[in-house]
N, C-alpha and C. Protein backbone atom coordinates (compact mmCIF):
# COMPACT_ATOMS: atom_id res chain seq x y z
N UNK A 1 22.41 26.08 -13.97
CA UNK A 1 22.31 25.41 -12.66
C UNK A 1 21.02 24.62 -12.53
N UNK A 2 20.00 25.22 -13.04
CA UNK A 2 18.67 24.49 -13.02
C UNK A 2 18.69 23.22 -13.80
N UNK A 3 19.30 23.18 -14.93
CA UNK A 3 19.43 22.04 -15.81
C UNK A 3 20.31 20.96 -15.13
N UNK A 4 21.36 21.40 -14.49
CA UNK A 4 22.26 20.42 -13.68
C UNK A 4 21.46 19.71 -12.67
N UNK A 5 20.68 20.50 -11.88
CA UNK A 5 19.84 19.88 -10.79
C UNK A 5 18.81 18.91 -11.37
N UNK A 6 18.27 19.39 -12.44
CA UNK A 6 17.23 18.51 -13.14
C UNK A 6 17.87 17.21 -13.62
N UNK A 7 19.05 17.32 -14.20
CA UNK A 7 19.77 16.15 -14.66
C UNK A 7 20.14 15.22 -13.50
N UNK A 8 20.65 15.84 -12.45
CA UNK A 8 20.95 14.98 -11.29
C UNK A 8 19.75 14.31 -10.70
N UNK A 9 18.61 14.94 -10.66
CA UNK A 9 17.37 14.37 -10.17
C UNK A 9 16.95 13.30 -11.06
N UNK A 10 17.07 13.43 -12.39
CA UNK A 10 16.66 12.36 -13.32
C UNK A 10 17.55 11.16 -13.17
N UNK A 11 18.85 11.43 -13.03
CA UNK A 11 19.81 10.35 -12.86
C UNK A 11 19.47 9.53 -11.56
N UNK A 12 19.23 10.28 -10.49
CA UNK A 12 18.83 9.66 -9.25
C UNK A 12 17.60 8.76 -9.40
N UNK A 13 16.62 9.29 -10.04
CA UNK A 13 15.33 8.54 -10.22
C UNK A 13 15.57 7.31 -11.10
N UNK A 14 16.41 7.42 -12.08
CA UNK A 14 16.71 6.28 -12.95
C UNK A 14 17.44 5.16 -12.15
N UNK A 15 18.40 5.62 -11.28
CA UNK A 15 19.10 4.64 -10.43
C UNK A 15 18.22 3.97 -9.49
N UNK A 16 17.31 4.67 -8.88
CA UNK A 16 16.29 4.12 -7.92
C UNK A 16 15.39 3.17 -8.66
N UNK A 17 14.93 3.54 -9.86
CA UNK A 17 14.06 2.68 -10.56
C UNK A 17 14.72 1.40 -10.96
N UNK A 18 15.96 1.50 -11.38
CA UNK A 18 16.78 0.32 -11.79
C UNK A 18 16.92 -0.64 -10.55
N UNK A 19 17.23 -0.02 -9.35
CA UNK A 19 17.51 -0.80 -8.17
C UNK A 19 16.13 -1.49 -7.81
N UNK A 20 15.07 -0.85 -7.83
CA UNK A 20 13.72 -1.43 -7.53
C UNK A 20 13.44 -2.59 -8.48
N UNK A 21 13.62 -2.32 -9.80
CA UNK A 21 13.28 -3.42 -10.70
C UNK A 21 14.20 -4.55 -10.63
N UNK A 22 15.47 -4.28 -10.26
CA UNK A 22 16.43 -5.37 -10.12
C UNK A 22 16.08 -6.33 -8.95
N UNK A 23 15.55 -5.65 -7.92
CA UNK A 23 15.18 -6.44 -6.76
C UNK A 23 13.70 -6.81 -6.78
N UNK A 24 13.38 -7.88 -7.44
CA UNK A 24 11.98 -8.26 -7.59
C UNK A 24 11.25 -8.52 -6.29
N UNK A 25 12.05 -8.99 -5.24
CA UNK A 25 11.47 -9.24 -3.99
C UNK A 25 10.94 -7.94 -3.42
N UNK A 26 11.79 -6.92 -3.49
CA UNK A 26 11.42 -5.57 -3.02
C UNK A 26 10.16 -5.04 -3.69
N UNK A 27 10.18 -5.34 -5.03
CA UNK A 27 8.98 -4.88 -5.83
C UNK A 27 7.70 -5.56 -5.44
N UNK A 28 7.85 -6.85 -5.22
CA UNK A 28 6.67 -7.68 -4.82
C UNK A 28 6.20 -7.24 -3.44
N UNK A 29 7.13 -6.94 -2.52
CA UNK A 29 6.76 -6.46 -1.18
C UNK A 29 6.09 -5.15 -1.29
N UNK A 30 6.56 -4.22 -2.09
CA UNK A 30 5.88 -2.98 -2.31
C UNK A 30 4.45 -3.09 -2.89
N UNK A 31 4.32 -4.05 -3.78
CA UNK A 31 2.97 -4.40 -4.38
C UNK A 31 2.03 -4.91 -3.29
N UNK A 32 2.54 -5.79 -2.43
CA UNK A 32 1.71 -6.32 -1.31
C UNK A 32 1.32 -5.26 -0.38
N UNK A 33 2.20 -4.33 -0.03
CA UNK A 33 1.87 -3.25 0.92
C UNK A 33 0.87 -2.34 0.29
N UNK A 34 1.02 -2.06 -1.04
CA UNK A 34 -0.02 -1.21 -1.74
C UNK A 34 -1.37 -1.85 -1.72
N UNK A 35 -1.36 -3.14 -1.99
CA UNK A 35 -2.67 -3.92 -1.96
C UNK A 35 -3.33 -3.85 -0.62
N UNK A 36 -2.49 -4.04 0.48
CA UNK A 36 -2.99 -4.00 1.80
C UNK A 36 -3.57 -2.61 2.16
N UNK A 37 -2.79 -1.63 1.82
CA UNK A 37 -3.22 -0.29 2.12
C UNK A 37 -4.49 0.12 1.35
N UNK A 38 -4.58 -0.37 0.14
CA UNK A 38 -5.73 -0.11 -0.67
C UNK A 38 -6.99 -0.76 -0.03
N UNK A 39 -6.92 -1.94 0.46
CA UNK A 39 -8.03 -2.62 1.14
C UNK A 39 -8.47 -1.80 2.40
N UNK A 40 -7.41 -1.43 3.15
CA UNK A 40 -7.74 -0.63 4.42
C UNK A 40 -8.37 0.74 4.06
N UNK A 41 -7.82 1.34 3.09
CA UNK A 41 -8.46 2.73 2.72
C UNK A 41 -9.83 2.56 2.16
N UNK A 42 -10.04 1.60 1.30
CA UNK A 42 -11.38 1.35 0.74
C UNK A 42 -12.42 1.00 1.86
N UNK A 43 -11.91 0.21 2.81
CA UNK A 43 -12.78 -0.13 3.91
C UNK A 43 -13.14 1.04 4.80
N UNK A 44 -12.16 1.89 5.06
CA UNK A 44 -12.47 3.09 5.89
C UNK A 44 -13.36 4.04 5.12
N UNK A 45 -13.20 4.19 3.75
CA UNK A 45 -14.13 5.00 2.98
C UNK A 45 -15.53 4.51 3.01
N UNK A 46 -15.66 3.20 2.91
CA UNK A 46 -17.05 2.62 2.94
C UNK A 46 -17.61 2.78 4.36
N UNK A 47 -16.83 2.67 5.43
CA UNK A 47 -17.37 2.93 6.70
C UNK A 47 -17.89 4.31 6.91
N UNK A 48 -17.08 5.34 6.41
CA UNK A 48 -17.47 6.70 6.46
C UNK A 48 -18.78 6.90 5.71
N UNK A 49 -18.82 6.36 4.49
CA UNK A 49 -19.95 6.56 3.61
C UNK A 49 -21.25 5.96 4.39
N UNK A 50 -21.06 4.79 4.96
CA UNK A 50 -22.24 4.17 5.65
C UNK A 50 -22.61 5.03 6.92
N UNK A 51 -21.67 5.57 7.55
CA UNK A 51 -22.02 6.43 8.68
C UNK A 51 -22.71 7.69 8.30
N UNK A 52 -22.26 8.29 7.17
CA UNK A 52 -22.91 9.47 6.69
C UNK A 52 -24.29 9.25 6.12
N UNK A 53 -24.50 8.14 5.42
CA UNK A 53 -25.81 7.87 4.79
C UNK A 53 -26.70 7.04 5.73
N UNK A 54 -26.17 6.47 6.78
CA UNK A 54 -26.91 5.60 7.71
C UNK A 54 -27.18 4.19 7.14
N UNK A 55 -26.38 3.86 6.06
CA UNK A 55 -26.58 2.53 5.41
C UNK A 55 -25.71 1.52 6.19
N UNK A 56 -26.30 0.57 6.90
CA UNK A 56 -25.58 -0.40 7.65
C UNK A 56 -24.78 -1.38 6.72
N UNK A 57 -25.22 -1.64 5.54
CA UNK A 57 -24.58 -2.59 4.65
C UNK A 57 -23.25 -1.98 4.27
N UNK A 58 -23.18 -0.66 4.03
CA UNK A 58 -21.93 0.00 3.71
C UNK A 58 -20.97 -0.10 4.91
N UNK A 59 -21.52 0.08 6.09
CA UNK A 59 -20.66 0.04 7.34
C UNK A 59 -20.09 -1.37 7.44
N UNK A 60 -20.83 -2.41 7.26
CA UNK A 60 -20.45 -3.77 7.39
C UNK A 60 -19.47 -4.10 6.31
N UNK A 61 -19.74 -3.74 5.12
CA UNK A 61 -18.80 -3.97 3.99
C UNK A 61 -17.49 -3.32 4.22
N UNK A 62 -17.54 -2.11 4.76
CA UNK A 62 -16.32 -1.38 5.08
C UNK A 62 -15.50 -2.01 6.16
N UNK A 63 -16.24 -2.50 7.23
CA UNK A 63 -15.56 -3.22 8.26
C UNK A 63 -14.84 -4.48 7.78
N UNK A 64 -15.51 -5.20 6.93
CA UNK A 64 -14.89 -6.46 6.37
C UNK A 64 -13.69 -6.15 5.52
N UNK A 65 -13.78 -5.10 4.67
CA UNK A 65 -12.67 -4.75 3.74
C UNK A 65 -11.48 -4.32 4.59
N UNK A 66 -11.76 -3.45 5.60
CA UNK A 66 -10.70 -2.91 6.45
C UNK A 66 -10.05 -4.09 7.19
N UNK A 67 -10.89 -4.99 7.72
CA UNK A 67 -10.27 -6.16 8.45
C UNK A 67 -9.49 -7.02 7.55
N UNK A 68 -9.84 -7.20 6.20
CA UNK A 68 -9.12 -7.90 5.30
C UNK A 68 -7.70 -7.29 5.13
N UNK A 69 -7.70 -6.03 5.06
CA UNK A 69 -6.37 -5.29 4.90
C UNK A 69 -5.55 -5.43 6.16
N UNK A 70 -6.18 -5.39 7.30
CA UNK A 70 -5.51 -5.59 8.59
C UNK A 70 -4.86 -6.98 8.67
N UNK A 71 -5.66 -8.01 8.24
CA UNK A 71 -5.16 -9.40 8.21
C UNK A 71 -3.95 -9.62 7.28
N UNK A 72 -4.04 -8.97 6.12
CA UNK A 72 -2.89 -9.01 5.20
C UNK A 72 -1.67 -8.39 5.77
N UNK A 73 -1.87 -7.32 6.50
CA UNK A 73 -0.76 -6.62 7.15
C UNK A 73 -0.10 -7.50 8.27
N UNK A 74 -0.96 -8.12 9.07
CA UNK A 74 -0.48 -9.00 10.05
C UNK A 74 0.24 -10.22 9.49
N UNK A 75 -0.23 -10.78 8.43
CA UNK A 75 0.31 -11.96 7.80
C UNK A 75 1.74 -11.58 7.24
N UNK A 76 1.81 -10.37 6.63
CA UNK A 76 3.08 -9.88 6.09
C UNK A 76 4.10 -9.72 7.26
N UNK A 77 3.62 -9.15 8.36
CA UNK A 77 4.54 -8.96 9.48
C UNK A 77 5.01 -10.37 10.00
N UNK A 78 4.13 -11.28 10.15
CA UNK A 78 4.46 -12.58 10.65
C UNK A 78 5.46 -13.29 9.63
N UNK A 79 5.28 -13.14 8.34
CA UNK A 79 6.17 -13.66 7.35
C UNK A 79 7.59 -12.99 7.49
N UNK A 80 7.60 -11.69 7.75
CA UNK A 80 8.90 -11.07 7.92
C UNK A 80 9.57 -11.55 9.23
N UNK A 81 8.81 -11.84 10.27
CA UNK A 81 9.45 -12.28 11.47
C UNK A 81 10.02 -13.70 11.24
N UNK A 82 9.30 -14.50 10.53
CA UNK A 82 9.71 -15.89 10.37
C UNK A 82 10.95 -15.93 9.48
N UNK A 83 11.08 -14.99 8.57
CA UNK A 83 12.24 -15.03 7.62
C UNK A 83 13.54 -14.54 8.33
N UNK A 84 13.33 -13.69 9.36
CA UNK A 84 14.52 -13.15 10.11
C UNK A 84 15.08 -14.21 10.99
């Protein structure tokens, strides 16, 4: 039974992977979202580091990086609205 479930899980993951790779637009969209989230998280981390250490340059850098991620997110939302 365990092997059957493992096999079904593997088959499902392969089907999902194939579907994602087949749809390059979906893969590009996922990549954009990951890039946006990365900028936002790095920015927040720098803000926290700056707040903990009292370093204003880290705070400012974090604010800018976080804002960059927010702008990317808003641009993607606008792009989606225009395509619909």
